[in-house]
Amino acid sequence: MKYSYATKVLQCGNGVENAETLLKEKVLQIGLGESELCVLRGKTHIILDFGKELSGGARILTYGIQGEKTVRLRFGESASETCAALTSEGGTATNDHSLRDFCVDLQAYSDMTFGGTGFRFLRIDSLDENSVFTIKTVVAAVDTDTREELGSFECDDPLVNQIWNTAAYTLRLCLQNGFIWDGIKRDRLVWIGDLYPEMRTAHCLFGDIPETVRCLDFAQMQTPLPEWINRIPPYSLWWLIIMADEFVVNGDKEAFAKYLPYAKGLIEQIAPHVSENGITSYSHNFIDWPSNYVAGDPKEKEEDCIAGVTYLTKIAVEKTKWFLSLYGEDVRLCNELLNRLSKMDIHVNDYKQIAALGVWAGDVSENNKEVLLRGGAKGLSTFMSYPILTAVAKYGEYDTALSMMKEYYGGMLSVGATTFWEDFDLAWLEGCCRLDEIPKEGQKDIHGDYGAFCYKGFRHSFCHGWSAGVVPYLVETVAGIKTEGAGMRRIIITPHLSGLKHVKVNVPTAYGTVTVEHTLKEDGKVDTKVSAPSEVEIII
């Protein structure tokens, strides 16, 4: 466990004395002779800002108490979340998946740790007019993963560097309990579809990590056929895609043989849901929340959802065919399904994420290009940012893709984000306050006033691993570093600097780190220097 001190006293009520002492580093041991103490006198409160999103709880060293001992603790990913009422009290804040709003009794001469959630802010409320609390220290008890980050990305654009670092930190916080969680405040679950951009980000930062295989194994164990993983048919498709792409990095053919029965069983389960004309018919057509169809939505939205899952089916079957072929398995059913899927006649109406899957599935149409470029960064999806940006680049629109990334992810940073969110819409920025401020009259609350579907208001997660997909985009497309075959033995480098003048990237492999440095020369050509282990073949 590591400890982090607050960087700022954001707010305190009447009756709080010597609040600034809580910002000072002190010996984390309570004693009988403490002199520098914060006093909470009567019914009052204090809000502490720890400077960035953290995973963990709060360690409170209490010196003395008079009267009622109970305080209310409210952890928040935004300042306003610490002031919000729970849903049971008429608000939108929740204790779903992790307690972040609760009452505890403090004790004199005590050192106690409370909570385990995702937060940046902590509010402490003294609840009784006659209470007096004298507190030595309040620190965040941090349970963040500490393994070395082998992968890196540096360029001459500070905003791009900040986006990379924030995405990397977001993913790191979600490495918990030997798995990759979707979020540290909410959704502390193994959502397999959500795992895809998280896995690809982890590959770029750490190389092959055991959490991915653990997630695959856990999902398979929890989902005996003919159930769908996470009760969502497309998430079984994602399981197949993740399995194949994880094998590309892992390369252990003997270890991955255990997945053959389940993979073949899923292909057989998928087959009845693919029509002769190549359109799928699952019970639930889910790609991501912004494109999610609910009863009463326009027919065009339903068509897009079906199109997205049809594209996803083709991607999953192609990758599974490749995987099964490595073992000499019968792939006739895969071929039959691909033949059916080749007949699909799909027109994407509105959603960039659907068009992106189309491009990934080989439908590089003018219509999909128009949907992807329409409105620039408007309509980007945190979960699907990796497919969207790579699909935009597929049309040669490299500068556009990087510009979209900077506008969208830079939008979150502009209001104080230190991790990237479950969802974000650029329209939310208009008239809103920063997340490290309490909204003033007439201002929109970037946290409490937005969100949709199951993440309305303060239930919205501000640290969601699936939003980190910009990391593999920057490595694979901007730096142009792509693996061919299994085991990362062959790397092809084709940079598209997109207006950047200098890029230096470290990419971890099983044989050591590959370092690639690109410099844009005055004649417009790119000078590339590579340092790589002898086991890795490099093609520029």
Protein backbone atom coordinates (compact mmCIF):
# COMPACT_ATOMS: atom_id res chain seq x y z
CA MET A 1 0.00 0.00 0.00
CA LYS A 2 1.24 3.47 -0.88
CA TYR A 3 -0.03 6.76 0.49
CA SER A 4 -0.80 10.05 -1.21
CA TYR A 5 -1.40 13.41 0.44
CA ALA A 6 -4.06 15.86 -0.65
CA THR A 7 -2.78 18.67 -2.87
CA LYS A 8 -5.54 21.14 -2.09
CA VAL A 9 -8.29 21.91 0.38
CA LEU A 10 -11.08 22.48 -2.10
CA GLN A 11 -13.75 23.61 0.32
CA CYS A 12 -14.51 23.71 4.03
CA GLY A 13 -17.48 24.84 6.06
CA ASN A 14 -17.70 27.05 9.11
CA GLY A 15 -16.15 25.35 12.08
CA VAL A 16 -13.12 23.94 10.25
CA GLU A 17 -9.84 25.19 11.66
CA ASN A 18 -6.25 24.73 10.45
CA ALA A 19 -7.36 22.80 7.33
CA GLU A 20 -4.06 23.38 5.52
CA THR A 21 -2.23 21.11 7.95
CA LEU A 22 -3.82 18.16 6.13
CA LEU A 23 -1.64 19.00 3.11
CA LYS A 24 1.61 18.58 5.06
CA GLU A 25 3.57 15.34 5.01
CA LYS A 26 3.80 13.91 8.50
CA VAL A 27 4.86 10.71 10.21
CA LEU A 28 1.98 8.31 9.66
CA GLN A 29 1.70 7.36 13.30
CA ILE A 30 -0.71 8.80 15.84
CA GLY A 31 0.82 9.91 19.15
CA LEU A 32 -0.13 11.51 22.46
CA GLY A 33 1.71 14.74 21.75
CA GLU A 34 0.31 15.85 18.39
CA SER A 35 0.28 19.63 17.86
CA GLU A 36 -0.57 20.23 14.19
CA LEU A 37 -4.21 19.25 13.99
CA CYS A 38 -7.18 20.06 11.79
CA VAL A 39 -10.31 20.73 13.82
CA LEU A 40 -13.88 20.01 12.67
CA ARG A 41 -16.10 21.77 15.15
CA GLY A 42 -19.85 21.19 15.05
CA LYS A 43 -21.85 20.32 11.95
CA THR A 44 -19.41 21.08 9.14
CA HIS A 45 -17.40 19.56 6.30
CA ILE A 46 -14.13 19.60 4.41
CA ILE A 47 -13.37 18.53 0.79
CA LEU A 48 -9.85 17.38 -0.07
CA ASP A 49 -8.44 17.17 -3.61
CA PHE A 50 -5.74 14.52 -4.09
CA GLY A 51 -4.73 15.94 -7.47
CA LYS A 52 -5.51 12.96 -9.68
CA GLU A 53 -7.75 9.90 -9.87
CA LEU A 54 -6.71 7.19 -7.44
CA SER A 55 -7.76 3.66 -6.59
CA GLY A 56 -8.10 2.81 -2.93
CA GLY A 57 -9.48 4.41 0.21
CA ALA A 58 -8.71 6.95 2.92
CA ARG A 59 -6.49 6.53 5.96
CA ILE A 60 -7.53 8.86 8.78
CA LEU A 61 -5.35 9.49 11.83
CA THR A 62 -7.66 10.91 14.51
CA TYR A 63 -6.26 12.52 17.66
CA GLY A 64 -9.32 13.37 19.71
CA ILE A 65 -13.12 13.41 19.69
CA GLN A 66 -15.76 15.16 21.74
CA GLY A 67 -19.42 14.20 21.44
CA GLU A 68 -20.89 12.12 18.62
CA LYS A 69 -18.22 10.06 16.80
CA THR A 70 -19.94 9.57 13.44
CA VAL A 71 -18.75 11.21 10.23
CA ARG A 72 -19.96 10.80 6.66
CA LEU A 73 -17.30 10.01 4.06
CA ARG A 74 -17.99 10.70 0.39
CA PHE A 75 -15.41 9.78 -2.23
CA GLY A 76 -15.82 11.42 -5.65
CA GLU A 77 -14.31 11.24 -9.10
CA SER A 78 -15.42 14.85 -9.40
CA ALA A 79 -15.72 17.53 -6.74
CA SER A 80 -19.47 17.70 -7.20
CA GLU A 81 -19.84 13.93 -6.70
CA THR A 82 -18.65 14.39 -3.11
CA CYS A 83 -21.59 16.74 -2.51
CA ALA A 84 -24.23 14.61 -4.25
CA ALA A 85 -27.07 12.67 -2.70
CA LEU A 86 -27.33 8.92 -3.22
CA THR A 87 -30.08 7.62 -5.49
CA SER A 88 -32.00 6.53 -2.37
CA GLU A 89 -31.97 10.19 -1.32
CA GLY A 90 -33.14 11.50 -4.68
CA GLY A 91 -29.75 11.99 -6.34
CA THR A 92 -27.83 10.10 -9.03
CA ALA A 93 -24.75 9.13 -7.01
CA THR A 94 -24.49 5.44 -6.12
CA ASN A 95 -22.62 2.88 -4.08
CA ASP A 96 -22.82 0.40 -6.96
CA HIS A 97 -19.96 -2.12 -6.97
CA SER A 98 -17.93 -0.18 -4.39
CA LEU A 99 -18.90 1.83 -1.32
CA ARG A 100 -18.04 5.48 -1.82
CA ASP A 101 -20.63 7.18 0.42
CA PHE A 102 -21.07 5.88 3.97
CA CYS A 103 -20.94 6.79 7.66
CA VAL A 104 -18.24 5.59 10.06
CA ASP A 105 -17.30 6.17 13.66
CA LEU A 106 -13.90 7.73 14.27
CA GLN A 107 -12.05 6.93 17.48
CA ALA A 108 -9.60 8.97 19.54
CA TYR A 109 -5.91 8.07 19.05
CA SER A 110 -6.85 5.95 16.03
CA ASP A 111 -5.39 5.08 12.66
CA MET A 112 -8.05 3.55 10.44
CA THR A 113 -8.49 3.02 6.71
CA PHE A 114 -11.91 3.24 5.05
CA GLY A 115 -13.22 2.48 1.59
CA GLY A 116 -12.02 0.95 -1.66
CA THR A 117 -13.13 2.78 -4.77
CA GLY A 118 -12.05 5.14 -7.56
CA PHE A 119 -11.76 8.76 -6.49
CA ARG A 120 -9.86 12.03 -6.61
CA PHE A 121 -11.81 13.92 -3.95
CA LEU A 122 -12.88 13.11 -0.41
CA ARG A 123 -15.50 14.95 1.62
CA ILE A 124 -15.70 14.47 5.39
CA ASP A 125 -18.88 15.65 7.12
CA SER A 126 -19.21 16.05 10.87
CA LEU A 127 -22.88 15.31 11.45
CA ASP A 128 -23.59 16.66 14.94
CA GLU A 129 -23.64 20.25 16.19
CA ASN A 130 -21.89 19.22 19.43
CA SER A 131 -19.08 17.13 17.94
CA VAL A 132 -15.43 18.16 17.82
CA PHE A 133 -12.90 16.13 15.83
CA THR A 134 -9.17 16.80 15.89
CA ILE A 135 -7.46 15.08 12.98
CA LYS A 136 -3.72 14.73 12.38
CA THR A 137 -3.70 13.42 8.84
CA VAL A 138 -5.95 12.21 6.03
CA VAL A 139 -4.12 10.40 3.23
CA ALA A 140 -5.25 8.32 0.27
CA ALA A 141 -4.38 4.65 0.71
CA VAL A 142 -3.49 3.76 -2.87
CA ASP A 143 -3.58 0.23 -4.33
CA THR A 144 -2.31 1.04 -7.83
CA ASP A 145 -0.38 -1.57 -9.83
CA THR A 146 3.35 -0.78 -9.74
CA ARG A 147 4.88 -2.96 -12.48
CA GLU A 148 7.34 -1.29 -14.81
CA GLU A 149 5.89 0.39 -17.87
CA LEU A 150 8.11 -0.92 -20.66
CA GLY A 151 6.27 0.79 -23.50
CA SER A 152 6.38 4.53 -24.07
CA PHE A 153 5.51 7.22 -26.60
CA GLU A 154 7.06 10.67 -26.84
CA CYS A 155 6.60 13.27 -29.55
CA ASP A 156 6.96 17.01 -30.12
CA ASP A 157 3.27 17.70 -29.36
CA PRO A 158 2.68 18.11 -25.58
CA LEU A 159 -1.06 17.42 -25.90
CA VAL A 160 -0.47 14.08 -27.63
CA ASN A 161 2.01 13.15 -24.90
CA GLN A 162 -0.53 14.07 -22.22
CA ILE A 163 -3.21 11.98 -23.93
CA TRP A 164 -0.87 8.97 -24.05
CA ASN A 165 0.14 9.35 -20.40
CA THR A 166 -3.46 9.77 -19.23
CA ALA A 167 -4.64 6.74 -21.21
CA ALA A 168 -1.74 4.67 -19.86
CA TYR A 169 -2.56 5.73 -16.29
CA THR A 170 -6.23 4.91 -16.83
CA LEU A 171 -5.38 1.37 -17.87
CA ARG A 172 -2.90 0.95 -15.01
CA LEU A 173 -5.55 1.83 -12.42
CA CYS A 174 -7.82 -0.86 -13.87
CA LEU A 175 -5.23 -3.64 -13.38
CA GLN A 176 -6.76 -5.02 -10.21
CA ASN A 177 -7.06 -8.35 -8.41
CA GLY A 178 -5.16 -10.23 -11.12
CA PHE A 179 -7.68 -9.15 -13.79
CA ILE A 180 -8.44 -6.11 -15.91
CA TRP A 181 -11.42 -4.32 -14.44
CA ASP A 182 -13.52 -2.05 -16.56
CA GLY A 183 -13.64 0.64 -13.89
CA ILE A 184 -12.39 1.19 -10.35
CA LYS A 185 -15.46 2.98 -9.01
CA ARG A 186 -18.05 0.97 -10.89
CA ASP A 187 -18.05 -2.13 -13.11
CA ARG A 188 -15.36 -4.00 -11.20
CA LEU A 189 -16.16 -6.90 -13.48
CA VAL A 190 -14.62 -8.83 -16.35
CA TRP A 191 -16.58 -7.45 -19.30
CA ILE A 192 -15.07 -9.31 -22.24
CA GLY A 193 -16.08 -6.89 -25.00
CA ASP A 194 -14.70 -4.01 -22.99
CA LEU A 195 -11.46 -5.96 -22.55
CA TYR A 196 -10.43 -5.58 -26.18
CA PRO A 197 -9.02 -2.01 -26.12
CA GLU A 198 -7.72 -2.66 -22.60
CA MET A 199 -5.80 -5.73 -23.77
CA ARG A 200 -4.38 -3.91 -26.80
CA THR A 201 -3.29 -1.02 -24.56
CA ALA A 202 -1.66 -3.43 -22.08
CA HIS A 203 0.32 -5.02 -24.92
CA CYS A 204 1.77 -1.61 -25.81
CA LEU A 205 2.59 -0.69 -22.21
CA PHE A 206 3.70 -3.94 -20.60
CA GLY A 207 3.89 -6.59 -23.30
CA ASP A 208 2.06 -9.82 -22.62
CA ILE A 209 0.47 -9.71 -19.17
CA PRO A 210 -1.22 -12.65 -17.40
CA GLU A 211 -4.40 -10.67 -16.72
CA THR A 212 -5.66 -11.12 -20.30
CA VAL A 213 -5.52 -14.91 -20.20
CA ARG A 214 -7.06 -14.88 -16.73
CA CYS A 215 -9.96 -12.83 -18.08
CA LEU A 216 -10.43 -15.23 -21.01
CA ASP A 217 -10.35 -18.22 -18.66
CA PHE A 218 -12.69 -16.61 -16.13
CA ALA A 219 -15.24 -15.68 -18.78
CA GLN A 220 -15.14 -19.18 -20.29
CA MET A 221 -15.50 -20.79 -16.86
CA GLN A 222 -18.46 -18.54 -16.03
CA THR A 223 -20.14 -19.13 -19.39
CA PRO A 224 -20.69 -22.78 -20.33
CA LEU A 225 -22.06 -23.13 -23.85
CA PRO A 226 -24.69 -22.41 -25.11
CA GLU A 227 -24.71 -19.27 -22.92
CA TRP A 228 -23.37 -16.01 -24.31
CA ILE A 229 -20.48 -14.40 -22.45
CA ASN A 230 -21.67 -11.64 -20.13
CA ARG A 231 -25.17 -12.56 -21.46
CA ILE A 232 -24.44 -10.45 -24.55
CA PRO A 233 -23.98 -12.35 -27.86
CA PRO A 234 -21.44 -9.87 -29.31
CA TYR A 235 -19.27 -10.36 -26.23
CA SER A 236 -18.77 -13.98 -27.25
CA LEU A 237 -17.59 -12.60 -30.59
CA TRP A 238 -15.17 -10.34 -28.74
CA TRP A 239 -13.93 -13.37 -26.76
CA LEU A 240 -12.90 -15.04 -30.03
CA ILE A 241 -11.21 -11.85 -31.28
CA ILE A 242 -9.33 -11.33 -28.00
CA MET A 243 -8.22 -14.96 -27.90
CA ALA A 244 -6.74 -14.72 -31.41
CA ASP A 245 -5.10 -11.32 -30.87
CA GLU A 246 -3.70 -12.38 -27.50
CA PHE A 247 -2.14 -15.41 -29.21
CA VAL A 248 -0.42 -13.05 -31.67
CA VAL A 249 1.47 -11.53 -28.74
CA ASN A 250 1.73 -14.60 -26.50
CA GLY A 251 2.62 -17.15 -29.17
CA ASP A 252 2.42 -20.20 -26.85
CA LYS A 253 0.72 -22.72 -29.12
CA GLU A 254 0.69 -25.49 -26.53
CA ALA A 255 -0.93 -23.29 -23.86
CA PHE A 256 -3.59 -21.91 -26.21
CA ALA A 257 -4.69 -25.37 -27.37
CA LYS A 258 -7.01 -25.43 -24.36
CA TYR A 259 -9.25 -22.88 -26.12
CA LEU A 260 -9.91 -25.04 -29.19
CA PRO A 261 -13.07 -26.83 -27.91
CA TYR A 262 -14.69 -23.61 -26.72
CA ALA A 263 -13.77 -21.70 -29.87
CA LYS A 264 -15.21 -24.44 -32.11
CA GLY A 265 -18.31 -24.60 -29.93
CA LEU A 266 -18.85 -20.86 -30.27
CA ILE A 267 -18.56 -21.05 -34.07
CA GLU A 268 -21.25 -23.76 -34.08
CA GLN A 269 -23.38 -21.59 -31.81
CA ILE A 270 -22.95 -18.55 -34.04
CA ALA A 271 -23.81 -20.40 -37.28
CA PRO A 272 -27.63 -20.45 -36.91
CA HIS A 273 -27.60 -16.68 -36.36
CA VAL A 274 -26.06 -15.92 -39.77
CA SER A 275 -28.59 -15.87 -42.59
CA GLU A 276 -27.90 -16.98 -46.17
CA ASN A 277 -27.74 -13.32 -47.20
CA GLY A 278 -25.09 -12.60 -44.55
CA ILE A 279 -27.12 -10.65 -41.98
CA THR A 280 -27.05 -11.75 -38.35
CA SER A 281 -30.00 -12.26 -36.02
CA TYR A 282 -28.88 -12.30 -32.39
CA SER A 283 -31.15 -11.60 -29.43
CA HIS A 284 -29.11 -8.53 -28.43
CA ASN A 285 -27.21 -6.37 -30.91
CA PHE A 286 -24.85 -4.34 -28.73
CA ILE A 287 -21.71 -2.54 -29.87
CA ASP A 288 -21.43 0.31 -27.38
CA TRP A 289 -23.73 2.52 -25.32
CA PRO A 290 -23.90 5.59 -27.62
CA SER A 291 -25.09 3.40 -30.51
CA ASN A 292 -27.25 1.11 -28.37
CA TYR A 293 -30.78 0.55 -29.70
CA VAL A 294 -33.75 0.75 -27.34
CA ALA A 295 -37.44 0.43 -28.11
CA GLY A 296 -38.76 3.56 -29.74
CA ASP A 297 -35.49 4.59 -31.37
CA PRO A 298 -35.52 5.27 -35.12
CA LYS A 299 -35.35 2.23 -37.39
CA GLU A 300 -32.04 3.52 -38.74
CA LYS A 301 -30.46 3.06 -35.31
CA GLU A 302 -31.63 -0.54 -35.13
CA GLU A 303 -30.24 -1.13 -38.62
CA ASP A 304 -26.88 0.25 -37.53
CA CYS A 305 -26.78 -2.01 -34.46
CA ILE A 306 -27.48 -5.08 -36.60
CA ALA A 307 -24.87 -3.92 -39.12
CA GLY A 308 -22.27 -3.50 -36.37
CA VAL A 309 -22.80 -6.97 -34.98
CA THR A 310 -22.78 -8.46 -38.49
CA TYR A 311 -19.41 -6.81 -39.15
CA LEU A 312 -18.17 -8.01 -35.76
CA THR A 313 -19.25 -11.56 -36.61
CA LYS A 314 -17.19 -11.51 -39.77
CA ILE A 315 -14.12 -10.24 -37.90
CA ALA A 316 -14.53 -12.92 -35.20
CA VAL A 317 -15.00 -15.76 -37.68
CA GLU A 318 -11.99 -14.68 -39.76
CA LYS A 319 -9.75 -14.55 -36.69
CA THR A 320 -11.07 -17.87 -35.38
CA LYS A 321 -10.47 -19.52 -38.75
CA TRP A 322 -6.86 -18.31 -38.64
CA PHE A 323 -6.45 -19.62 -35.08
CA LEU A 324 -8.02 -23.03 -35.81
CA SER A 325 -5.92 -23.41 -38.97
CA LEU A 326 -2.73 -23.15 -36.91
CA TYR A 327 -3.76 -26.40 -35.22
CA GLY A 328 -4.91 -28.16 -38.38
CA GLU A 329 -8.53 -28.02 -37.23
CA ASP A 330 -11.50 -28.34 -39.59
CA VAL A 331 -12.46 -24.81 -40.71
CA ARG A 332 -15.24 -25.71 -43.18
CA LEU A 333 -17.93 -24.14 -41.00
CA CYS A 334 -15.84 -20.95 -40.76
CA ASN A 335 -15.56 -20.90 -44.54
CA GLU A 336 -19.30 -21.44 -44.92
CA LEU A 337 -20.06 -18.58 -42.54
CA LEU A 338 -17.59 -16.28 -44.29
CA ASN A 339 -19.22 -17.14 -47.61
CA ARG A 340 -22.60 -16.13 -46.21
CA LEU A 341 -21.19 -12.98 -44.61
CA SER A 342 -19.57 -11.98 -47.92
CA LYS A 343 -23.11 -11.44 -49.27
CA MET A 344 -24.03 -8.83 -46.66
CA ASP A 345 -25.55 -5.67 -48.11
CA ILE A 346 -25.20 -3.07 -45.37
CA HIS A 347 -25.61 0.69 -45.33
CA VAL A 348 -24.40 2.42 -42.16
CA ASN A 349 -26.50 5.45 -41.31
CA ASP A 350 -25.04 7.41 -38.43
CA TYR A 351 -22.47 5.84 -36.12
CA LYS A 352 -18.72 6.10 -36.51
CA GLN A 353 -18.19 2.99 -34.41
CA ILE A 354 -20.36 0.92 -36.77
CA ALA A 355 -18.62 2.28 -39.86
CA ALA A 356 -15.26 1.55 -38.21
CA LEU A 357 -16.16 -2.10 -37.68
CA GLY A 358 -17.20 -2.16 -41.33
CA VAL A 359 -13.73 -1.02 -42.35
CA TRP A 360 -12.16 -3.61 -40.04
CA ALA A 361 -14.37 -6.24 -41.70
CA GLY A 362 -13.16 -5.18 -45.16
CA ASP A 363 -16.01 -2.83 -46.15
CA VAL A 364 -13.88 0.16 -47.13
CA SER A 365 -16.79 1.93 -48.79
CA GLU A 366 -17.29 5.61 -49.54
CA ASN A 367 -20.36 5.55 -47.31
CA ASN A 368 -18.36 4.30 -44.33
CA LYS A 369 -15.74 6.96 -45.02
CA GLU A 370 -18.41 9.67 -45.07
CA VAL A 371 -19.86 8.48 -41.74
CA LEU A 372 -16.41 8.34 -40.13
CA LEU A 373 -15.43 11.85 -41.26
CA ARG A 374 -18.82 13.47 -40.67
CA GLY A 375 -18.55 16.12 -37.96
CA GLY A 376 -14.89 15.47 -37.18
CA ALA A 377 -14.48 14.39 -33.55
CA LYS A 378 -18.22 14.67 -32.94
CA GLY A 379 -19.62 11.19 -32.37
CA LEU A 380 -16.38 9.59 -31.23
CA SER A 381 -16.79 6.81 -28.67
CA THR A 382 -14.41 6.18 -25.77
CA PHE A 383 -14.81 2.38 -26.03
CA MET A 384 -14.53 2.36 -29.81
CA SER A 385 -11.87 5.06 -30.24
CA TYR A 386 -9.26 2.53 -31.37
CA PRO A 387 -11.36 1.08 -34.23
CA ILE A 388 -12.64 4.53 -35.23
CA LEU A 389 -9.24 6.23 -35.42
CA THR A 390 -7.60 3.30 -37.24
CA ALA A 391 -10.52 3.15 -39.68
CA VAL A 392 -10.22 6.88 -40.44
CA ALA A 393 -6.51 6.35 -41.09
CA LYS A 394 -7.32 3.41 -43.39
CA TYR A 395 -8.69 5.96 -45.87
CA GLY A 396 -5.38 7.86 -45.78
CA GLU A 397 -6.85 10.50 -43.47
CA TYR A 398 -3.97 10.28 -41.01
CA ASP A 399 -3.91 13.98 -40.10
CA THR A 400 -7.69 13.94 -39.60
CA ALA A 401 -7.51 10.95 -37.27
CA LEU A 402 -4.89 12.56 -35.04
CA SER A 403 -6.81 15.83 -35.03
CA MET A 404 -10.00 14.00 -33.99
CA MET A 405 -8.13 12.26 -31.18
CA LYS A 406 -6.67 15.53 -29.90
CA GLU A 407 -10.00 17.34 -29.96
CA TYR A 408 -11.94 14.54 -28.28
CA TYR A 409 -9.49 13.39 -25.63
CA GLY A 410 -8.18 16.91 -25.21
CA GLY A 411 -11.76 17.90 -24.38
CA MET A 412 -11.73 15.68 -21.31
CA LEU A 413 -8.33 17.01 -20.29
CA SER A 414 -9.55 20.60 -20.66
CA VAL A 415 -12.02 20.14 -17.79
CA GLY A 416 -9.53 18.53 -15.44
CA ALA A 417 -9.59 14.83 -16.35
CA THR A 418 -6.63 12.83 -15.05
CA THR A 419 -8.09 9.55 -16.36
CA PHE A 420 -10.38 8.94 -19.32
CA TRP A 421 -14.08 8.31 -18.98
CA GLU A 422 -16.73 5.71 -19.67
CA ASP A 423 -18.35 8.05 -22.19
CA PHE A 424 -17.84 11.60 -23.42
CA ASP A 425 -19.52 13.94 -25.85
CA LEU A 426 -17.89 17.18 -26.98
CA ALA A 427 -21.25 18.96 -26.62
CA TRP A 428 -20.97 18.54 -22.84
CA LEU A 429 -18.19 21.13 -22.72
CA GLU A 430 -20.44 24.06 -23.52
CA GLY A 431 -21.18 26.09 -20.40
CA CYS A 432 -19.81 23.46 -18.00
CA CYS A 433 -17.47 23.74 -15.05
CA ARG A 434 -14.31 21.74 -14.52
CA LEU A 435 -14.55 18.49 -12.60
CA ASP A 436 -12.31 19.94 -9.87
CA GLU A 437 -14.76 22.77 -9.22
CA ILE A 438 -18.17 22.99 -7.61
CA PRO A 439 -20.59 24.30 -10.27
CA LYS A 440 -21.63 27.92 -9.90
CA GLU A 441 -25.12 29.13 -10.63
CA GLY A 442 -25.83 28.85 -14.35
CA GLN A 443 -23.00 26.37 -14.99
CA LYS A 444 -23.51 22.82 -16.16
CA ASP A 445 -22.01 20.02 -14.09
CA ILE A 446 -19.78 17.98 -16.41
CA HIS A 447 -20.40 14.95 -14.18
CA GLY A 448 -23.85 15.19 -12.64
CA ASP A 449 -25.71 16.68 -15.62
CA TYR A 450 -24.62 14.17 -18.25
CA GLY A 451 -24.36 10.46 -18.97
CA ALA A 452 -27.03 8.15 -20.39
CA PHE A 453 -28.41 4.60 -20.28
CA CYS A 454 -27.02 2.90 -17.14
CA TYR A 455 -24.49 5.64 -16.34
CA LYS A 456 -26.63 8.72 -15.79
CA GLY A 457 -25.27 11.48 -13.61
CA PHE A 458 -22.77 10.55 -10.93
CA ARG A 459 -23.00 6.84 -11.68
CA HIS A 460 -20.91 7.70 -14.72
CA SER A 461 -17.38 6.28 -14.36
CA PHE A 462 -14.53 8.75 -14.84
CA CYS A 463 -11.88 6.01 -14.98
CA HIS A 464 -12.81 3.36 -17.52
CA GLY A 465 -10.14 1.10 -19.00
CA TRP A 466 -11.92 0.78 -22.34
CA SER A 467 -11.19 4.46 -23.08
CA ALA A 468 -7.44 3.80 -23.38
CA GLY A 469 -7.55 2.64 -27.03
CA VAL A 470 -5.63 5.72 -28.20
CA VAL A 471 -2.47 3.96 -26.98
CA PRO A 472 -2.47 1.17 -29.62
CA TYR A 473 -3.60 3.71 -32.24
CA LEU A 474 -0.54 5.88 -31.59
CA VAL A 475 1.80 2.87 -31.63
CA GLU A 476 0.35 1.05 -34.64
CA THR A 477 -0.71 3.92 -36.90
CA VAL A 478 1.25 7.07 -35.99
CA ALA A 479 4.49 5.26 -35.17
CA GLY A 480 3.44 2.55 -37.66
CA ILE A 481 4.63 -0.43 -35.60
CA LYS A 482 2.66 -3.59 -36.38
CA THR A 483 3.29 -7.24 -35.58
CA GLU A 484 2.99 -9.92 -38.23
CA GLY A 485 2.37 -13.56 -37.31
CA ALA A 486 2.47 -14.98 -33.79
CA GLY A 487 4.88 -14.27 -30.97
CA MET A 488 5.99 -10.77 -32.09
CA ARG A 489 8.95 -12.19 -34.02
CA ARG A 490 8.34 -9.97 -37.05
CA ILE A 491 7.55 -6.23 -36.90
CA ILE A 492 6.72 -4.05 -39.88
CA ILE A 493 7.23 -0.28 -39.48
CA THR A 494 5.28 2.16 -41.65
CA PRO A 495 5.02 5.55 -39.89
CA HIS A 496 2.33 8.17 -40.52
CA LEU A 497 3.41 11.07 -38.35
CA SER A 498 0.27 13.11 -39.07
CA GLY A 499 1.98 16.47 -38.69
CA LEU A 500 4.29 15.45 -35.86
CA LYS A 501 7.99 16.11 -36.40
CA HIS A 502 9.51 13.69 -33.95
CA VAL A 503 8.26 10.45 -32.41
CA LYS A 504 10.11 8.02 -30.17
CA VAL A 505 8.43 4.76 -29.14
CA ASN A 506 9.42 1.80 -27.00
CA VAL A 507 7.50 -1.42 -27.67
CA PRO A 508 7.88 -4.42 -25.34
CA THR A 509 8.29 -7.92 -26.77
CA ALA A 510 9.09 -11.29 -25.21
CA TYR A 511 12.70 -10.82 -26.36
CA GLY A 512 13.23 -7.30 -25.08
CA THR A 513 12.23 -3.77 -26.00
CA VAL A 514 12.10 -2.49 -29.57
CA THR A 515 12.94 1.22 -29.78
CA VAL A 516 11.83 3.17 -32.83
CA GLU A 517 12.60 6.83 -33.45
CA HIS A 518 11.12 8.80 -36.35
CA THR A 519 12.27 12.28 -37.40
CA LEU A 520 10.62 14.33 -40.12
CA LYS A 521 13.31 15.81 -42.37
CA GLU A 522 13.14 19.11 -44.25
CA ASP A 523 12.47 17.31 -47.54
CA GLY A 524 9.33 15.72 -46.05
CA LYS A 525 10.81 12.25 -45.73
CA VAL A 526 10.92 10.40 -42.42
CA ASP A 527 14.23 9.20 -41.01
CA THR A 528 13.68 6.04 -38.93
CA LYS A 529 16.12 4.53 -36.47
CA VAL A 530 15.45 1.16 -34.84
CA SER A 531 17.04 -0.75 -32.01
CA ALA A 532 15.68 -4.27 -31.56
CA PRO A 533 16.60 -7.66 -30.06
CA SER A 534 18.23 -10.02 -32.55
CA GLU A 535 15.25 -12.41 -32.31
CA VAL A 536 12.90 -9.82 -33.81
CA GLU A 537 12.91 -9.25 -37.56
CA ILE A 538 12.34 -5.58 -38.45
CA ILE A 539 11.01 -4.45 -41.83
CA ILE A 540 10.85 -0.70 -42.54
